[in-house]
Amino acid sequence: MLALRGLHCPAGGLATSLSEVALETAIGLAAALVVGSALTLLMRRRQAVRRAALDMLSQMSELPVAERAVAQARLLRRLVLTLSGETAARKQGSAWLEQLDRSFGTDFFTRGRGRYYVEGLYRETQIADVTVLDRELETLFRRIGR
């Protein structure tokens, strides 16, 4: 009959194994701390961007319709520059509308009234209901950083 030997640690290996485990644990905790700190900073930055965008949008509500639309278009450029970078913020026409949709996770700009920021902004046409654009932008801005 075959007899099995009981569990045991190798001679002199326990101290090495414990120190290796402690080192690996410390490395893992340090990595988790770095990742957690980076995510916290990113979230704080995006929350600050969201607050600033909402504040600016609310200040624009007092402007005449044409001036408000231009100010909103400038704000959208600044937000895309901040959130997605310079290359994204330089896009024009339908590529700009697609970038806005990507930046804000929507189809409001390519398929909704947000097309106004390319198609109608520089024409003499009036927006049928400017408050709809205001409300939609506010909704989109509230999602920044969430």
C-alpha atoms as a PDB file:
ATOM      1  CA  MET A   1       0.000   0.000   0.000  1.00  0.00           C
ATOM      2  CA  LEU A   2       1.167   3.525  -0.852  1.00  0.00           C
ATOM      3  CA  ALA A   3       1.487   5.919   2.082  1.00  0.00           C
ATOM      4  CA  LEU A   4       1.071   9.627   1.443  1.00  0.00           C
ATOM      5  CA  ARG A   5       3.161  12.116   3.266  1.00  0.00           C
ATOM      6  CA  GLY A   6       1.413  14.981   5.082  1.00  0.00           C
ATOM      7  CA  LEU A   7       1.480  18.565   3.862  1.00  0.00           C
ATOM      8  CA  HIS A   8       4.666  20.405   4.639  1.00  0.00           C
ATOM      9  CA  CYS A   9       6.667  23.461   3.616  1.00  0.00           C
ATOM     10  CA  PRO A  10      10.024  23.055   2.010  1.00  0.00           C
ATOM     11  CA  ALA A  11      12.931  23.444   4.369  1.00  0.00           C
ATOM     12  CA  GLY A  12      13.912  27.106   4.619  1.00  0.00           C
ATOM     13  CA  GLY A  13      11.357  28.073   1.954  1.00  0.00           C
ATOM     14  CA  LEU A  14       8.625  29.423   4.223  1.00  0.00           C
ATOM     15  CA  ALA A  15      10.337  32.759   4.855  1.00  0.00           C
ATOM     16  CA  THR A  16      11.003  33.231   1.141  1.00  0.00           C
ATOM     17  CA  SER A  17       7.439  32.322   0.218  1.00  0.00           C
ATOM     18  CA  LEU A  18       5.965  34.697   2.792  1.00  0.00           C
ATOM     19  CA  SER A  19       8.185  37.571   1.674  1.00  0.00           C
ATOM     20  CA  GLU A  20       7.266  36.951  -1.963  1.00  0.00           C
ATOM     21  CA  VAL A  21       3.568  36.890  -1.084  1.00  0.00           C
ATOM     22  CA  ALA A  22       3.943  40.100   0.930  1.00  0.00           C
ATOM     23  CA  LEU A  23       5.779  41.805  -1.939  1.00  0.00           C
ATOM     24  CA  GLU A  24       3.184  40.723  -4.492  1.00  0.00           C
ATOM     25  CA  THR A  25       0.386  41.872  -2.194  1.00  0.00           C
ATOM     26  CA  ALA A  26       2.061  45.257  -1.729  1.00  0.00           C
ATOM     27  CA  ILE A  27       2.503  45.648  -5.491  1.00  0.00           C
ATOM     28  CA  GLY A  28      -1.154  44.773  -6.051  1.00  0.00           C
ATOM     29  CA  LEU A  29      -2.329  47.248  -3.424  1.00  0.00           C
ATOM     30  CA  ALA A  30      -0.101  49.983  -4.859  1.00  0.00           C
ATOM     31  CA  ALA A  31      -1.461  49.361  -8.354  1.00  0.00           C
ATOM     32  CA  ALA A  32      -5.032  49.484  -7.055  1.00  0.00           C
ATOM     33  CA  LEU A  33      -4.268  52.758  -5.280  1.00  0.00           C
ATOM     34  CA  VAL A  34      -2.805  54.303  -8.435  1.00  0.00           C
ATOM     35  CA  VAL A  35      -5.753  53.219 -10.585  1.00  0.00           C
ATOM     36  CA  GLY A  36      -8.266  54.389  -7.975  1.00  0.00           C
ATOM     37  CA  SER A  37      -6.570  57.771  -7.666  1.00  0.00           C
ATOM     38  CA  ALA A  38      -6.463  58.234 -11.431  1.00  0.00           C
ATOM     39  CA  LEU A  39     -10.156  57.399 -11.764  1.00  0.00           C
ATOM     40  CA  THR A  40     -11.040  59.776  -8.939  1.00  0.00           C
ATOM     41  CA  LEU A  41      -9.113  62.621 -10.591  1.00  0.00           C
ATOM     42  CA  LEU A  42     -10.749  61.916 -13.946  1.00  0.00           C
ATOM     43  CA  MET A  43     -14.218  61.915 -12.409  1.00  0.00           C
ATOM     44  CA  ARG A  44     -13.549  65.175 -10.539  1.00  0.00           C
ATOM     45  CA  ARG A  45     -12.310  66.795 -13.733  1.00  0.00           C
ATOM     46  CA  ARG A  46     -15.365  65.699 -15.679  1.00  0.00           C
ATOM     47  CA  GLN A  47     -17.680  66.856 -12.896  1.00  0.00           C
ATOM     48  CA  ALA A  48     -16.000  70.278 -12.977  1.00  0.00           C
ATOM     49  CA  VAL A  49     -16.457  70.384 -16.760  1.00  0.00           C
ATOM     50  CA  ARG A  50     -20.123  69.444 -16.339  1.00  0.00           C
ATOM     51  CA  ARG A  51     -20.712  72.178 -13.737  1.00  0.00           C
ATOM     52  CA  ALA A  52     -18.963  74.808 -15.856  1.00  0.00           C
ATOM     53  CA  ALA A  53     -20.893  73.812 -18.994  1.00  0.00           C
ATOM     54  CA  LEU A  54     -24.236  73.950 -17.180  1.00  0.00           C
ATOM     55  CA  ASP A  55     -23.369  77.333 -15.649  1.00  0.00           C
ATOM     56  CA  MET A  56     -22.417  78.769 -19.037  1.00  0.00           C
ATOM     57  CA  LEU A  57     -25.545  77.363 -20.644  1.00  0.00           C
ATOM     58  CA  SER A  58     -27.755  78.931 -17.995  1.00  0.00           C
ATOM     59  CA  GLN A  59     -26.025  82.304 -18.459  1.00  0.00           C
ATOM     60  CA  MET A  60     -26.770  82.100 -22.186  1.00  0.00           C
ATOM     61  CA  SER A  61     -30.514  81.887 -21.593  1.00  0.00           C
ATOM     62  CA  GLU A  62     -30.652  85.690 -21.315  1.00  0.00           C
ATOM     63  CA  LEU A  63     -29.099  86.246 -24.759  1.00  0.00           C
ATOM     64  CA  PRO A  64     -31.151  86.922 -27.890  1.00  0.00           C
ATOM     65  CA  VAL A  65     -31.843  83.791 -29.935  1.00  0.00           C
ATOM     66  CA  ALA A  66     -29.184  84.317 -32.633  1.00  0.00           C
ATOM     67  CA  GLU A  67     -26.473  85.253 -30.135  1.00  0.00           C
ATOM     68  CA  ARG A  68     -27.445  82.336 -27.900  1.00  0.00           C
ATOM     69  CA  ALA A  69     -27.091  79.845 -30.747  1.00  0.00           C
ATOM     70  CA  VAL A  70     -23.611  81.162 -31.603  1.00  0.00           C
ATOM     71  CA  ALA A  71     -22.589  81.059 -27.929  1.00  0.00           C
ATOM     72  CA  GLN A  72     -23.875  77.490 -27.649  1.00  0.00           C
ATOM     73  CA  ALA A  73     -21.918  76.483 -30.766  1.00  0.00           C
ATOM     74  CA  ARG A  74     -18.748  77.957 -29.239  1.00  0.00           C
ATOM     75  CA  LEU A  75     -19.435  76.149 -25.973  1.00  0.00           C
ATOM     76  CA  LEU A  76     -19.865  72.861 -27.843  1.00  0.00           C
ATOM     77  CA  ARG A  77     -16.460  73.387 -29.516  1.00  0.00           C
ATOM     78  CA  ARG A  78     -14.821  74.078 -26.156  1.00  0.00           C
ATOM     79  CA  LEU A  79     -16.423  71.031 -24.579  1.00  0.00           C
ATOM     80  CA  VAL A  80     -15.351  68.712 -27.384  1.00  0.00           C
ATOM     81  CA  LEU A  81     -11.839  70.180 -27.187  1.00  0.00           C
ATOM     82  CA  THR A  82     -11.766  69.466 -23.449  1.00  0.00           C
ATOM     83  CA  LEU A  83     -13.370  66.024 -23.614  1.00  0.00           C
ATOM     84  CA  SER A  84     -12.064  64.628 -26.904  1.00  0.00           C
ATOM     85  CA  GLY A  85      -9.042  66.673 -27.940  1.00  0.00           C
ATOM     86  CA  GLU A  86      -7.992  69.161 -30.577  1.00  0.00           C
ATOM     87  CA  THR A  87      -8.412  66.899 -33.599  1.00  0.00           C
ATOM     88  CA  ALA A  88     -12.027  66.195 -32.676  1.00  0.00           C
ATOM     89  CA  ALA A  89     -12.778  69.879 -32.068  1.00  0.00           C
ATOM     90  CA  ARG A  90     -11.506  70.907 -35.526  1.00  0.00           C
ATOM     91  CA  LYS A  91     -14.004  68.807 -37.481  1.00  0.00           C
ATOM     92  CA  GLN A  92     -16.509  70.522 -39.771  1.00  0.00           C
ATOM     93  CA  GLY A  93     -19.898  69.782 -41.315  1.00  0.00           C
ATOM     94  CA  SER A  94     -21.370  66.324 -40.929  1.00  0.00           C
ATOM     95  CA  ALA A  95     -18.094  65.064 -39.390  1.00  0.00           C
ATOM     96  CA  TRP A  96     -18.569  67.687 -36.645  1.00  0.00           C
ATOM     97  CA  LEU A  97     -22.128  66.496 -35.979  1.00  0.00           C
ATOM     98  CA  GLU A  98     -20.917  62.892 -35.793  1.00  0.00           C
ATOM     99  CA  GLN A  99     -18.184  63.954 -33.365  1.00  0.00           C
ATOM    100  CA  LEU A 100     -20.744  65.730 -31.188  1.00  0.00           C
ATOM    101  CA  ASP A 101     -22.843  62.570 -31.126  1.00  0.00           C
ATOM    102  CA  ARG A 102     -19.787  60.501 -30.102  1.00  0.00           C
ATOM    103  CA  SER A 103     -18.701  62.991 -27.460  1.00  0.00           C
ATOM    104  CA  PHE A 104     -22.129  63.154 -25.846  1.00  0.00           C
ATOM    105  CA  GLY A 105     -23.382  59.616 -26.573  1.00  0.00           C
ATOM    106  CA  THR A 106     -26.443  60.651 -28.544  1.00  0.00           C
ATOM    107  CA  ASP A 107     -27.858  61.023 -32.050  1.00  0.00           C
ATOM    108  CA  PHE A 108     -29.329  64.461 -31.336  1.00  0.00           C
ATOM    109  CA  PHE A 109     -26.825  66.206 -33.598  1.00  0.00           C
ATOM    110  CA  THR A 110     -26.933  63.937 -36.653  1.00  0.00           C
ATOM    111  CA  ARG A 111     -30.612  62.979 -36.544  1.00  0.00           C
ATOM    112  CA  GLY A 112     -32.271  65.548 -34.307  1.00  0.00           C
ATOM    113  CA  ARG A 113     -32.583  69.284 -33.909  1.00  0.00           C
ATOM    114  CA  GLY A 114     -28.894  69.515 -33.105  1.00  0.00           C
ATOM    115  CA  ARG A 115     -28.243  69.599 -36.864  1.00  0.00           C
ATOM    116  CA  TYR A 116     -29.005  73.292 -36.485  1.00  0.00           C
ATOM    117  CA  TYR A 117     -25.436  73.832 -35.239  1.00  0.00           C
ATOM    118  CA  VAL A 118     -24.190  73.089 -38.760  1.00  0.00           C
ATOM    119  CA  GLU A 119     -27.139  73.522 -41.102  1.00  0.00           C
ATOM    120  CA  GLY A 120     -28.900  76.567 -39.677  1.00  0.00           C
ATOM    121  CA  LEU A 121     -26.400  78.435 -37.551  1.00  0.00           C
ATOM    122  CA  TYR A 122     -25.018  80.616 -40.320  1.00  0.00           C
ATOM    123  CA  ARG A 123     -28.270  81.177 -42.175  1.00  0.00           C
ATOM    124  CA  GLU A 124     -30.883  83.802 -41.516  1.00  0.00           C
ATOM    125  CA  THR A 125     -33.402  81.144 -40.463  1.00  0.00           C
ATOM    126  CA  GLN A 126     -34.830  81.204 -36.979  1.00  0.00           C
ATOM    127  CA  ILE A 127     -35.096  78.219 -34.689  1.00  0.00           C
ATOM    128  CA  ALA A 128     -38.732  77.216 -34.293  1.00  0.00           C
ATOM    129  CA  ASP A 129     -38.340  76.580 -30.567  1.00  0.00           C
ATOM    130  CA  VAL A 130     -35.012  77.592 -29.051  1.00  0.00           C
ATOM    131  CA  THR A 131     -36.030  76.235 -25.656  1.00  0.00           C
ATOM    132  CA  VAL A 132     -35.972  72.707 -27.109  1.00  0.00           C
ATOM    133  CA  LEU A 133     -32.289  73.136 -27.989  1.00  0.00           C
ATOM    134  CA  ASP A 134     -31.616  74.606 -24.550  1.00  0.00           C
ATOM    135  CA  ARG A 135     -33.273  71.695 -22.765  1.00  0.00           C
ATOM    136  CA  GLU A 136     -31.564  69.073 -24.901  1.00  0.00           C
ATOM    137  CA  LEU A 137     -28.127  70.631 -24.391  1.00  0.00           C
ATOM    138  CA  GLU A 138     -28.774  70.795 -20.654  1.00  0.00           C
ATOM    139  CA  THR A 139     -29.705  67.095 -20.645  1.00  0.00           C
ATOM    140  CA  LEU A 140     -26.555  66.198 -22.595  1.00  0.00           C
ATOM    141  CA  PHE A 141     -24.329  68.340 -20.373  1.00  0.00           C
ATOM    142  CA  ARG A 142     -25.743  66.724 -17.228  1.00  0.00           C
ATOM    143  CA  ARG A 143     -24.417  63.367 -18.486  1.00  0.00           C
ATOM    144  CA  ILE A 144     -20.797  64.567 -18.696  1.00  0.00           C
ATOM    145  CA  GLY A 145     -18.697  62.587 -16.256  1.00  0.00           C
ATOM    146  CA  ARG A 146     -21.323  60.018 -15.362  1.00  0.00           C
END
